[in-house]
Amino acid sequence: AYRHLERTREPATALLDVHAERLMELTDTTRVHASTLGADGERVAASVAALQADVSHLRWLLDRIPEERARLRRMIIDILLPTPGRDEEHDDVRS
C-alpha cells in the first residue's frame, strides 16, 4: 500500500500544481476583467448622463414646437400677405 501511495503522490502533486496554475491565471484574468468593467462602467455612466441631458433638451424643444410653429406661421403670413401698416414697419426696420 505504501508503494502505491508513493507512486500516486507525484502525479497528484503535479495535478495540484496544474490546477494551482490555472487558478492563478483565472485570478489574473478576473482582475483584468474587473478593471475593464470599472472603466466600462465609467463610460456607461457618462453616456447615461449625456443621454439624460439630450432628453432634457429634446423635451425643451418639444415644448417650444407649438410656439415656434405659430411664430413661423405668422412670419410666413407676413411675407405672403403683408398688411400696409406692418409692411411700413418692416421697411423702417430694414433701413
Protein backbone atom coordinates (compact mmCIF):
# COMPACT_ATOMS: atom_id res chain seq x y z
CA ALA A 1 0.00 0.00 0.00
CA TYR A 2 2.91 2.34 0.77
CA ARG A 3 4.41 1.81 -2.70
CA HIS A 4 1.08 2.62 -4.30
CA LEU A 5 0.90 5.82 -2.24
CA GLU A 6 4.42 6.81 -3.31
CA ARG A 7 3.58 6.24 -6.98
CA THR A 8 0.42 8.34 -6.81
CA ARG A 9 1.91 11.18 -4.77
CA GLU A 10 3.96 12.61 -7.65
CA PRO A 11 1.09 12.67 -10.19
CA ALA A 12 -1.23 14.10 -7.54
CA THR A 13 1.27 16.86 -6.76
CA ALA A 14 1.65 17.58 -10.47
CA LEU A 15 -2.13 17.72 -10.84
CA LEU A 16 -2.38 20.11 -7.90
CA ASP A 17 0.32 22.29 -9.47
CA VAL A 18 -1.57 22.39 -12.76
CA HIS A 19 -4.80 23.37 -11.01
CA ALA A 20 -2.99 25.97 -8.92
CA GLU A 21 -1.51 27.49 -12.09
CA ARG A 22 -4.91 27.56 -13.74
CA LEU A 23 -6.39 29.18 -10.65
CA MET A 24 -3.68 31.87 -10.69
CA GLU A 25 -4.30 32.53 -14.41
CA LEU A 26 -8.02 32.73 -13.76
CA THR A 27 -7.41 35.16 -10.90
CA ASP A 28 -5.27 37.36 -13.15
CA THR A 29 -7.87 37.22 -15.93
CA THR A 30 -10.60 38.10 -13.45
CA ARG A 31 -8.57 41.05 -12.18
CA VAL A 32 -8.13 42.34 -15.76
CA HIS A 33 -11.84 41.91 -16.50
CA ALA A 34 -12.76 43.70 -13.27
CA SER A 35 -10.59 46.71 -14.14
CA THR A 36 -12.01 46.76 -17.68
CA LEU A 37 -15.51 46.55 -16.25
CA GLY A 38 -14.77 49.53 -13.99
CA ALA A 39 -13.63 51.62 -16.96
CA ASP A 40 -16.65 50.48 -18.99
CA GLY A 41 -18.90 51.40 -16.07
CA GLU A 42 -17.49 54.92 -16.02
CA ARG A 43 -18.07 55.26 -19.76
CA VAL A 44 -21.62 53.95 -19.41
CA ALA A 45 -22.31 56.42 -16.59
CA ALA A 46 -21.01 59.29 -18.74
CA SER A 47 -23.15 58.11 -21.67
CA VAL A 48 -26.24 57.91 -19.46
CA ALA A 49 -25.60 61.45 -18.18
CA ALA A 50 -25.23 62.72 -21.75
CA LEU A 51 -28.41 60.90 -22.75
CA GLN A 52 -30.30 62.48 -19.84
CA ALA A 53 -29.09 65.92 -20.95
CA ASP A 54 -30.18 65.17 -24.52
CA VAL A 55 -33.61 64.04 -23.32
CA SER A 56 -34.00 67.23 -21.28
CA HIS A 57 -33.04 69.32 -24.30
CA LEU A 58 -35.42 67.35 -26.51
CA ARG A 59 -38.26 67.91 -24.04
CA TRP A 60 -37.47 71.62 -24.05
CA LEU A 61 -37.53 71.64 -27.87
CA LEU A 62 -40.78 69.69 -27.99
CA ASP A 63 -42.36 72.17 -25.58
CA ARG A 64 -41.29 75.00 -27.90
CA ILE A 65 -42.63 73.43 -31.11
CA PRO A 66 -46.17 74.91 -30.88
CA GLU A 67 -44.93 78.45 -30.18
CA GLU A 68 -42.21 78.20 -32.84
CA ARG A 69 -44.70 76.85 -35.36
CA ALA A 70 -47.04 79.75 -34.59
CA ARG A 71 -44.18 82.26 -34.87
CA LEU A 72 -43.05 80.84 -38.22
CA ARG A 73 -46.63 80.80 -39.48
CA ARG A 74 -47.02 84.49 -38.57
CA MET A 75 -43.75 85.29 -40.35
CA ILE A 76 -44.83 83.42 -43.48
CA ILE A 77 -48.22 85.11 -43.47
CA ASP A 78 -46.50 88.49 -43.07
CA ILE A 79 -44.31 87.71 -46.07
CA LEU A 80 -47.09 86.34 -48.28
CA LEU A 81 -49.92 88.62 -47.19
CA PRO A 82 -48.34 91.81 -45.91
CA THR A 83 -50.65 94.39 -44.40
CA PRO A 84 -49.94 98.04 -45.17
CA GLY A 85 -49.12 99.01 -41.58
CA ARG A 86 -46.85 96.05 -40.97
CA ASP A 87 -45.10 96.43 -44.30
CA GLU A 88 -44.15 100.03 -43.49
CA GLU A 89 -42.87 98.99 -40.05
CA HIS A 90 -40.63 96.36 -41.65
CA ASP A 91 -39.34 98.92 -44.17
CA ASP A 92 -38.42 101.25 -41.31
CA VAL A 93 -36.59 98.45 -39.53
CA ARG A 94 -34.75 97.40 -42.70
CA SER A 95 -33.50 100.95 -43.37
